[in-house]
Amino acid sequence: MTYTIEQVKALIREYPDFPSEGVLFRDIFPIFQHPEAVECLANHFVERIKALGKSVDVVVGLDARGFLFGPLIAIKLGVAFVPVRKRGKLPGEVVNATYMKEYGEDVFEMQADSIRAGQNVVIVDDLLATGGSCKAAETLVKKLKGNVVLDAFVIGLVGLEGHKQLTAPVYSLIEC
């Protein structure tokens, strides 16, 4: 079956009151049960990135769901993929950035030689909520003297205004 992007969106499930009361959780994992849907999602992001009209050298994926489709996007673009991991998960020299989560601070890391000065970067993740984790990823890219040209998400929670924390243009496939 060939999927349209609207059919991919329809695969996302909603779970009320998960993980806590009052939260409507949107689950992207059903997309991955359909290889053609994954292909459609990756192609959609590639088209969006190419429409920027800027060269892209690196796709950065955030721990952990950004690892699911970030490498696919990078392969389709013919560019490098770089993971951003939680503290202590990467070998070698790393740069780090601290960010706020719902219940305290966390630290993201990136290998210090993963991005070269002047490289253009797209950051991908499944969800933009408060923007803290993506802002930390932008900080890591900037520490390595890269340029973030787009922050791309499957879902953007508009009411939380996470996009206001970010310096790069933001694209969310679904805004709710």
N, C-alpha and C. Protein backbone atom coordinates (compact mmCIF):
# COMPACT_ATOMS: atom_id res chain seq x y z
N MET A 1 0.84 -1.19 0.00
CA MET A 1 0.00 0.00 0.00
C MET A 1 0.88 1.25 0.00
N THR A 2 0.54 2.21 -0.79
CA THR A 2 1.22 3.50 -0.78
C THR A 2 0.45 4.44 0.13
N TYR A 3 1.15 5.10 1.04
CA TYR A 3 0.51 5.99 2.00
C TYR A 3 0.62 7.44 1.55
N THR A 4 -0.42 8.21 1.88
CA THR A 4 -0.35 9.66 1.78
C THR A 4 0.03 10.18 3.17
N ILE A 5 0.46 11.42 3.23
CA ILE A 5 0.83 11.97 4.53
C ILE A 5 -0.40 12.06 5.45
N GLU A 6 -1.58 12.25 4.88
CA GLU A 6 -2.80 12.27 5.69
C GLU A 6 -3.07 10.88 6.30
N GLN A 7 -2.80 9.83 5.55
CA GLN A 7 -2.96 8.47 6.08
C GLN A 7 -1.93 8.18 7.17
N VAL A 8 -0.73 8.72 7.02
CA VAL A 8 0.29 8.57 8.07
C VAL A 8 -0.18 9.26 9.34
N LYS A 9 -0.67 10.48 9.21
CA LYS A 9 -1.18 11.21 10.38
C LYS A 9 -2.27 10.41 11.10
N ALA A 10 -3.12 9.75 10.32
CA ALA A 10 -4.24 8.99 10.90
C ALA A 10 -3.76 7.78 11.72
N LEU A 11 -2.54 7.33 11.50
CA LEU A 11 -2.01 6.20 12.26
C LEU A 11 -1.61 6.58 13.69
N ILE A 12 -1.41 7.86 13.94
CA ILE A 12 -1.01 8.30 15.28
C ILE A 12 -2.19 8.11 16.23
N ARG A 13 -1.93 7.37 17.31
CA ARG A 13 -2.98 7.08 18.28
C ARG A 13 -2.95 8.08 19.42
N GLU A 14 -4.12 8.31 19.98
CA GLU A 14 -4.24 9.19 21.14
C GLU A 14 -4.68 8.40 22.35
N TYR A 15 -4.00 8.66 23.47
CA TYR A 15 -4.32 7.99 24.73
C TYR A 15 -4.59 9.06 25.79
N PRO A 16 -5.87 9.24 26.15
CA PRO A 16 -6.17 10.22 27.19
C PRO A 16 -5.65 9.76 28.56
N ASP A 17 -5.26 10.74 29.35
CA ASP A 17 -4.81 10.51 30.73
C ASP A 17 -3.58 9.60 30.82
N PHE A 18 -2.69 9.71 29.84
CA PHE A 18 -1.43 8.97 29.88
C PHE A 18 -0.30 9.94 29.58
N PRO A 19 0.76 9.96 30.32
CA PRO A 19 1.10 9.11 31.46
C PRO A 19 0.46 9.54 32.77
N SER A 20 -0.25 10.69 32.75
CA SER A 20 -0.95 11.13 33.95
C SER A 20 -2.26 11.79 33.55
N GLU A 21 -3.12 11.95 34.53
CA GLU A 21 -4.44 12.51 34.28
C GLU A 21 -4.33 13.90 33.66
N GLY A 22 -5.17 14.13 32.65
CA GLY A 22 -5.19 15.42 31.98
C GLY A 22 -4.28 15.53 30.77
N VAL A 23 -3.43 14.53 30.56
CA VAL A 23 -2.51 14.53 29.43
C VAL A 23 -3.10 13.69 28.30
N LEU A 24 -3.06 14.23 27.08
CA LEU A 24 -3.47 13.46 25.90
C LEU A 24 -2.19 13.06 25.18
N PHE A 25 -1.79 11.79 25.31
CA PHE A 25 -0.55 11.28 24.73
C PHE A 25 -0.77 10.88 23.29
N ARG A 26 0.10 11.34 22.41
CA ARG A 26 0.04 10.99 20.99
C ARG A 26 1.18 10.03 20.68
N ASP A 27 0.81 8.84 20.24
CA ASP A 27 1.75 7.73 20.04
C ASP A 27 2.08 7.58 18.56
N ILE A 28 3.36 7.79 18.20
CA ILE A 28 3.79 7.66 16.80
C ILE A 28 4.17 6.24 16.44
N PHE A 29 4.30 5.35 17.42
CA PHE A 29 4.79 4.00 17.13
C PHE A 29 3.94 3.20 16.15
N PRO A 30 2.62 3.40 16.08
CA PRO A 30 1.86 2.66 15.06
C PRO A 30 2.34 2.93 13.62
N ILE A 31 2.92 4.08 13.37
CA ILE A 31 3.47 4.36 12.04
C ILE A 31 4.51 3.31 11.67
N PHE A 32 5.30 2.88 12.64
CA PHE A 32 6.40 1.96 12.38
C PHE A 32 5.94 0.52 12.16
N GLN A 33 4.65 0.26 12.30
CA GLN A 33 4.10 -1.04 11.96
C GLN A 33 3.80 -1.16 10.47
N HIS A 34 4.00 -0.06 9.76
CA HIS A 34 3.69 0.00 8.33
C HIS A 34 4.88 0.61 7.59
N PRO A 35 5.75 -0.23 7.02
CA PRO A 35 6.96 0.29 6.37
C PRO A 35 6.68 1.37 5.33
N GLU A 36 5.59 1.24 4.60
CA GLU A 36 5.27 2.24 3.58
C GLU A 36 4.90 3.58 4.23
N ALA A 37 4.33 3.55 5.42
CA ALA A 37 4.00 4.78 6.14
C ALA A 37 5.28 5.47 6.62
N VAL A 38 6.23 4.66 7.08
CA VAL A 38 7.52 5.21 7.50
C VAL A 38 8.22 5.87 6.32
N GLU A 39 8.18 5.20 5.18
CA GLU A 39 8.77 5.74 3.95
C GLU A 39 8.11 7.07 3.57
N CYS A 40 6.80 7.14 3.67
CA CYS A 40 6.06 8.36 3.34
C CYS A 40 6.46 9.48 4.30
N LEU A 41 6.56 9.18 5.59
CA LEU A 41 6.94 10.18 6.59
C LEU A 41 8.35 10.71 6.31
N ALA A 42 9.29 9.81 6.07
CA ALA A 42 10.66 10.23 5.77
C ALA A 42 10.71 11.08 4.51
N ASN A 43 10.01 10.65 3.47
CA ASN A 43 9.98 11.41 2.22
C ASN A 43 9.38 12.80 2.42
N HIS A 44 8.35 12.88 3.25
CA HIS A 44 7.72 14.17 3.52
C HIS A 44 8.72 15.14 4.15
N PHE A 45 9.46 14.66 5.14
CA PHE A 45 10.46 15.52 5.78
C PHE A 45 11.57 15.90 4.82
N VAL A 46 12.00 14.97 3.99
CA VAL A 46 13.04 15.27 2.99
C VAL A 46 12.56 16.38 2.05
N GLU A 47 11.33 16.27 1.57
CA GLU A 47 10.78 17.30 0.68
C GLU A 47 10.73 18.65 1.38
N ARG A 48 10.32 18.65 2.64
CA ARG A 48 10.25 19.90 3.42
C ARG A 48 11.64 20.51 3.58
N ILE A 49 12.63 19.67 3.86
CA ILE A 49 13.99 20.15 4.04
C ILE A 49 14.55 20.70 2.73
N LYS A 50 14.32 19.99 1.63
CA LYS A 50 14.80 20.47 0.33
C LYS A 50 14.13 21.79 -0.05
N ALA A 51 12.88 21.98 0.36
CA ALA A 51 12.15 23.21 0.03
C ALA A 51 12.76 24.44 0.72
N LEU A 52 13.60 24.22 1.72
CA LEU A 52 14.28 25.35 2.37
C LEU A 52 15.18 26.09 1.39
N GLY A 53 15.68 25.35 0.39
CA GLY A 53 16.59 25.95 -0.57
C GLY A 53 17.99 26.16 -0.01
N LYS A 54 18.31 25.48 1.08
CA LYS A 54 19.65 25.58 1.69
C LYS A 54 20.29 24.20 1.66
N SER A 55 21.59 24.19 1.52
CA SER A 55 22.28 22.91 1.61
C SER A 55 22.23 22.42 3.06
N VAL A 56 22.13 21.13 3.22
CA VAL A 56 22.13 20.51 4.55
C VAL A 56 23.26 19.50 4.57
N ASP A 57 24.05 19.54 5.65
CA ASP A 57 25.20 18.65 5.79
C ASP A 57 24.99 17.55 6.81
N VAL A 58 24.12 17.81 7.79
CA VAL A 58 23.96 16.89 8.92
C VAL A 58 22.50 16.89 9.38
N VAL A 59 21.99 15.70 9.69
CA VAL A 59 20.72 15.57 10.40
C VAL A 59 21.05 15.12 11.81
N VAL A 60 20.55 15.85 12.79
CA VAL A 60 20.75 15.52 14.20
C VAL A 60 19.43 14.97 14.73
N GLY A 61 19.49 13.81 15.38
CA GLY A 61 18.31 13.19 15.98
C GLY A 61 18.43 13.18 17.48
N LEU A 62 17.33 13.54 18.17
CA LEU A 62 17.34 13.59 19.62
C LEU A 62 16.99 12.23 20.22
N ASP A 63 17.65 11.93 21.31
CA ASP A 63 17.45 10.71 22.08
C ASP A 63 16.01 10.69 22.59
N ALA A 64 15.21 9.74 22.26
CA ALA A 64 15.49 8.52 21.54
C ALA A 64 14.66 8.43 20.26
N ARG A 65 13.50 9.06 20.22
CA ARG A 65 12.64 8.87 19.05
C ARG A 65 13.18 9.55 17.79
N GLY A 66 14.01 10.56 17.95
CA GLY A 66 14.66 11.16 16.79
C GLY A 66 15.59 10.18 16.09
N PHE A 67 15.96 9.10 16.80
CA PHE A 67 16.81 8.06 16.21
C PHE A 67 16.00 7.17 15.26
N LEU A 68 14.68 7.18 15.39
CA LEU A 68 13.86 6.29 14.57
C LEU A 68 13.79 6.74 13.12
N PHE A 69 13.65 8.04 12.90
CA PHE A 69 13.52 8.51 11.52
C PHE A 69 14.63 9.46 11.09
N GLY A 70 15.42 9.96 12.02
CA GLY A 70 16.55 10.83 11.67
C GLY A 70 17.53 10.17 10.71
N PRO A 71 17.95 8.92 10.97
CA PRO A 71 18.87 8.27 10.03
C PRO A 71 18.26 8.05 8.64
N LEU A 72 16.96 7.76 8.60
CA LEU A 72 16.30 7.57 7.30
C LEU A 72 16.33 8.87 6.49
N ILE A 73 16.05 9.97 7.15
CA ILE A 73 16.07 11.27 6.49
C ILE A 73 17.48 11.58 6.01
N ALA A 74 18.47 11.32 6.86
CA ALA A 74 19.87 11.59 6.49
C ALA A 74 20.28 10.77 5.28
N ILE A 75 19.92 9.50 5.25
CA ILE A 75 20.27 8.64 4.12
C ILE A 75 19.64 9.17 2.84
N LYS A 76 18.37 9.55 2.92
CA LYS A 76 17.67 10.06 1.72
C LYS A 76 18.27 11.38 1.24
N LEU A 77 18.81 12.17 2.16
CA LEU A 77 19.46 13.43 1.78
C LEU A 77 20.92 13.23 1.38
N GLY A 78 21.47 12.06 1.70
CA GLY A 78 22.88 11.80 1.42
C GLY A 78 23.82 12.57 2.33
N VAL A 79 23.40 12.74 3.60
CA VAL A 79 24.20 13.49 4.56
C VAL A 79 24.43 12.66 5.82
N ALA A 80 25.25 13.19 6.70
CA ALA A 80 25.59 12.51 7.96
C ALA A 80 24.41 12.55 8.93
N PHE A 81 24.37 11.54 9.80
CA PHE A 81 23.44 11.53 10.93
C PHE A 81 24.25 11.61 12.21
N VAL A 82 23.82 12.48 13.14
CA VAL A 82 24.51 12.64 14.42
C VAL A 82 23.48 12.50 15.54
N PRO A 83 23.72 11.58 16.47
CA PRO A 83 22.80 11.45 17.60
C PRO A 83 23.13 12.42 18.73
N VAL A 84 22.09 12.92 19.38
CA VAL A 84 22.23 13.65 20.64
C VAL A 84 21.73 12.69 21.70
N ARG A 85 22.61 12.42 22.68
CA ARG A 85 22.30 11.42 23.70
C ARG A 85 22.24 12.05 25.08
N LYS A 86 21.64 11.31 26.00
CA LYS A 86 21.66 11.73 27.40
C LYS A 86 23.08 11.51 27.95
N ARG A 87 23.41 12.24 28.98
CA ARG A 87 24.76 12.23 29.57
C ARG A 87 25.27 10.81 29.83
N GLY A 88 26.52 10.59 29.46
CA GLY A 88 27.19 9.34 29.76
C GLY A 88 26.97 8.22 28.76
N LYS A 89 26.28 8.47 27.66
CA LYS A 89 25.96 7.42 26.69
C LYS A 89 26.87 7.42 25.46
N LEU A 90 27.71 8.45 25.32
CA LEU A 90 28.59 8.55 24.14
C LEU A 90 30.05 8.43 24.55
N PRO A 91 30.84 7.69 23.78
CA PRO A 91 32.26 7.60 24.07
C PRO A 91 33.01 8.81 23.52
N GLY A 92 34.24 8.99 24.00
CA GLY A 92 35.10 10.04 23.47
C GLY A 92 34.77 11.40 24.04
N GLU A 93 35.40 12.41 23.43
CA GLU A 93 35.17 13.79 23.87
C GLU A 93 33.77 14.23 23.43
N VAL A 94 33.07 14.88 24.36
CA VAL A 94 31.71 15.34 24.08
C VAL A 94 31.56 16.80 24.49
N VAL A 95 30.57 17.45 23.89
CA VAL A 95 30.09 18.74 24.39
C VAL A 95 28.74 18.48 25.02
N ASN A 96 28.36 19.32 25.98
CA ASN A 96 27.07 19.08 26.64
C ASN A 96 26.29 20.36 26.84
N ALA A 97 25.00 20.18 27.04
CA ALA A 97 24.09 21.29 27.32
C ALA A 97 23.02 20.81 28.29
N THR A 98 22.73 21.63 29.27
CA THR A 98 21.73 21.32 30.29
C THR A 98 20.39 21.91 29.88
N TYR A 99 19.32 21.19 30.16
CA TYR A 99 17.98 21.70 29.87
C TYR A 99 17.02 21.27 30.96
N MET A 100 15.91 21.99 31.04
CA MET A 100 14.90 21.71 32.07
C MET A 100 13.86 20.74 31.53
N LYS A 101 13.54 19.76 32.35
CA LYS A 101 12.43 18.84 32.08
C LYS A 101 11.32 19.16 33.08
N GLU A 102 10.24 18.40 33.00
CA GLU A 102 9.11 18.66 33.89
C GLU A 102 9.52 18.58 35.37
N TYR A 103 10.46 17.68 35.68
CA TYR A 103 10.79 17.43 37.08
C TYR A 103 12.24 17.69 37.42
N GLY A 104 12.90 18.56 36.67
CA GLY A 104 14.28 18.90 36.99
C GLY A 104 15.13 19.01 35.75
N GLU A 105 16.44 19.07 35.96
CA GLU A 105 17.39 19.24 34.87
C GLU A 105 17.82 17.92 34.27
N ASP A 106 18.22 17.97 33.00
CA ASP A 106 18.83 16.84 32.33
C ASP A 106 19.95 17.39 31.45
N VAL A 107 20.80 16.52 30.96
CA VAL A 107 21.94 16.93 30.15
C VAL A 107 21.97 16.13 28.86
N PHE A 108 22.10 16.82 27.74
CA PHE A 108 22.31 16.20 26.44
C PHE A 108 23.78 16.33 26.08
N GLU A 109 24.28 15.34 25.31
CA GLU A 109 25.66 15.37 24.83
C GLU A 109 25.72 15.02 23.36
N MET A 110 26.79 15.50 22.73
CA MET A 110 27.08 15.21 21.33
C MET A 110 28.59 15.05 21.22
N GLN A 111 29.04 14.11 20.41
CA GLN A 111 30.47 13.93 20.23
C GLN A 111 31.08 15.19 19.62
N ALA A 112 32.21 15.59 20.17
CA ALA A 112 32.82 16.88 19.85
C ALA A 112 33.29 16.99 18.40
N ASP A 113 33.49 15.88 17.72
CA ASP A 113 33.97 15.94 16.33
C ASP A 113 32.87 15.60 15.32
N SER A 114 31.61 15.64 15.76
CA SER A 114 30.52 15.18 14.90
C SER A 114 30.02 16.23 13.91
N ILE A 115 30.25 17.49 14.20
CA ILE A 115 29.84 18.59 13.31
C ILE A 115 31.02 19.52 13.15
N ARG A 116 31.26 19.92 11.91
CA ARG A 116 32.36 20.85 11.62
C ARG A 116 31.83 22.28 11.49
N ALA A 117 32.69 23.23 11.74
CA ALA A 117 32.33 24.64 11.64
C ALA A 117 31.71 24.94 10.28
N GLY A 118 30.60 25.64 10.31
CA GLY A 118 29.94 26.06 9.08
C GLY A 118 28.95 25.07 8.50
N GLN A 119 28.89 23.86 9.03
CA GLN A 119 27.95 22.88 8.48
C GLN A 119 26.51 23.26 8.83
N ASN A 120 25.61 23.02 7.88
CA ASN A 120 24.18 23.28 8.08
C ASN A 120 23.51 22.02 8.61
N VAL A 121 22.69 22.21 9.63
CA VAL A 121 22.13 21.11 10.40
C VAL A 121 20.60 21.22 10.47
N VAL A 122 19.93 20.07 10.35
CA VAL A 122 18.51 19.95 10.64
C VAL A 122 18.38 19.07 11.87
N ILE A 123 17.63 19.53 12.86
CA ILE A 123 17.38 18.76 14.08
C ILE A 123 15.99 18.13 13.95
N VAL A 124 15.89 16.82 14.24
CA VAL A 124 14.61 16.11 14.15
C VAL A 124 14.28 15.41 15.46
N ASP A 125 13.00 15.41 15.78
CA ASP A 125 12.49 14.68 16.94
C ASP A 125 11.01 14.41 16.71
N ASP A 126 10.44 13.59 17.57
CA ASP A 126 9.03 13.26 17.39
C ASP A 126 8.10 14.36 17.86
N LEU A 127 8.49 15.08 18.93
CA LEU A 127 7.55 15.98 19.59
C LEU A 127 8.22 17.27 20.03
N LEU A 128 7.57 18.39 19.73
CA LEU A 128 7.96 19.69 20.28
C LEU A 128 6.94 20.04 21.33
N ALA A 129 7.37 20.08 22.59
CA ALA A 129 6.48 20.47 23.69
C ALA A 129 6.96 21.82 24.21
N THR A 130 7.74 21.82 25.28
CA THR A 130 8.22 23.08 25.85
C THR A 130 9.44 23.64 25.12
N GLY A 131 10.09 22.80 24.32
CA GLY A 131 11.25 23.25 23.54
C GLY A 131 12.58 23.08 24.23
N GLY A 132 12.59 22.64 25.47
CA GLY A 132 13.84 22.55 26.23
C GLY A 132 14.87 21.62 25.62
N SER A 133 14.45 20.42 25.21
CA SER A 133 15.41 19.46 24.68
C SER A 133 15.94 19.91 23.32
N CYS A 134 15.09 20.48 22.48
CA CYS A 134 15.56 20.94 21.18
C CYS A 134 16.46 22.16 21.33
N LYS A 135 16.14 23.03 22.28
CA LYS A 135 17.00 24.18 22.54
C LYS A 135 18.39 23.71 22.96
N ALA A 136 18.45 22.65 23.78
CA ALA A 136 19.75 22.09 24.18
C ALA A 136 20.49 21.56 22.96
N ALA A 137 19.78 20.91 22.05
CA ALA A 137 20.42 20.40 20.83
C ALA A 137 20.93 21.56 19.97
N GLU A 138 20.15 22.62 19.85
CA GLU A 138 20.63 23.81 19.13
C GLU A 138 21.92 24.34 19.76
N THR A 139 21.96 24.36 21.08
CA THR A 139 23.14 24.84 21.80
C THR A 139 24.36 23.97 21.47
N LEU A 140 24.15 22.64 21.43
CA LEU A 140 25.26 21.74 21.10
C LEU A 140 25.79 22.01 19.69
N VAL A 141 24.89 22.18 18.74
CA VAL A 141 25.30 22.46 17.36
C VAL A 141 26.09 23.77 17.31
N LYS A 142 25.61 24.78 18.02
CA LYS A 142 26.29 26.08 18.03
C LYS A 142 27.65 25.99 18.70
N LYS A 143 27.79 25.17 19.74
CA LYS A 143 29.10 24.98 20.38
C LYS A 143 30.12 24.43 19.40
N LEU A 144 29.64 23.63 18.44
CA LEU A 144 30.53 23.07 17.44
C LEU A 144 30.59 23.94 16.18
N LYS A 145 30.00 25.14 16.28
CA LYS A 145 30.03 26.15 15.22
C LYS A 145 29.24 25.75 13.97
N GLY A 146 28.23 24.89 14.16
CA GLY A 146 27.31 24.55 13.07
C GLY A 146 26.15 25.53 13.04
N ASN A 147 25.37 25.47 11.97
CA ASN A 147 24.21 26.34 11.78
C ASN A 147 22.94 25.49 11.73
N VAL A 148 22.02 25.72 12.64
CA VAL A 148 20.75 25.01 12.60
C VAL A 148 19.84 25.73 11.61
N VAL A 149 19.45 25.03 10.54
CA VAL A 149 18.61 25.65 9.51
C VAL A 149 17.14 25.26 9.65
N LEU A 150 16.85 24.21 10.44
CA LEU A 150 15.46 23.79 10.67
C LEU A 150 15.39 22.86 11.86
N ASP A 151 14.34 23.06 12.67
CA ASP A 151 13.97 22.11 13.72
C ASP A 151 12.68 21.46 13.25
N ALA A 152 12.69 20.13 13.05
CA ALA A 152 11.55 19.43 12.45
C ALA A 152 10.99 18.38 13.40
N PHE A 153 9.67 18.35 13.51
CA PHE A 153 8.98 17.46 14.44
C PHE A 153 7.80 16.79 13.76
N VAL A 154 7.45 15.61 14.25
CA VAL A 154 6.23 14.98 13.78
C VAL A 154 5.04 15.72 14.38
N ILE A 155 5.11 16.02 15.69
CA ILE A 155 4.01 16.67 16.39
C ILE A 155 4.53 17.90 17.12
N GLY A 156 3.80 19.00 17.01
CA GLY A 156 4.10 20.20 17.77
C GLY A 156 2.91 20.57 18.64
N LEU A 157 3.13 20.70 19.93
CA LEU A 157 2.06 21.09 20.86
C LEU A 157 2.05 22.62 20.94
N VAL A 158 1.19 23.22 20.17
CA VAL A 158 1.17 24.66 19.98
C VAL A 158 0.96 25.41 21.30
N GLY A 159 0.09 24.92 22.14
CA GLY A 159 -0.24 25.62 23.38
C GLY A 159 0.93 25.78 24.34
N LEU A 160 1.94 24.94 24.22
CA LEU A 160 3.09 25.02 25.11
C LEU A 160 4.14 26.01 24.61
N GLU A 161 3.99 26.48 23.38
CA GLU A 161 4.83 27.52 22.80
C GLU A 161 6.32 27.21 22.83
N GLY A 162 6.67 25.94 22.65
CA GLY A 162 8.08 25.56 22.63
C GLY A 162 8.86 26.21 21.51
N HIS A 163 8.18 26.53 20.41
CA HIS A 163 8.85 27.16 19.27
C HIS A 163 9.47 28.50 19.65
N LYS A 164 8.94 29.16 20.67
CA LYS A 164 9.45 30.47 21.08
C LYS A 164 10.84 30.37 21.71
N GLN A 165 11.22 29.19 22.18
CA GLN A 165 12.55 29.00 22.77
C GLN A 165 13.62 28.75 21.71
N LEU A 166 13.21 28.41 20.50
CA LEU A 166 14.14 27.95 19.49
C LEU A 166 14.55 29.10 18.57
N THR A 167 15.78 29.00 18.05
CA THR A 167 16.30 30.06 17.19
C THR A 167 16.10 29.76 15.71
N ALA A 168 16.01 28.49 15.35
CA ALA A 168 15.85 28.11 13.94
C ALA A 168 14.37 28.07 13.58
N PRO A 169 14.05 28.11 12.30
CA PRO A 169 12.66 27.90 11.88
C PRO A 169 12.18 26.53 12.37
N VAL A 170 10.88 26.43 12.65
CA VAL A 170 10.30 25.21 13.18
C VAL A 170 9.25 24.69 12.20
N TYR A 171 9.28 23.38 11.97
CA TYR A 171 8.24 22.72 11.19
C TYR A 171 7.71 21.53 11.98
N SER A 172 6.40 21.48 12.13
CA SER A 172 5.73 20.33 12.74
C SER A 172 4.71 19.80 11.75
N LEU A 173 4.78 18.50 11.46
CA LEU A 173 3.83 17.87 10.57
C LEU A 173 2.40 18.04 11.08
N ILE A 174 2.23 17.82 12.38
CA ILE A 174 0.93 17.96 13.03
C ILE A 174 1.06 19.00 14.13
N GLU A 175 0.19 19.98 14.11
CA GLU A 175 0.15 20.96 15.20
C GLU A 175 -1.16 20.79 15.93
N CYS A 176 -1.06 20.64 17.24
CA CYS A 176 -2.27 20.48 18.04
C CYS A 176 -2.10 21.12 19.41
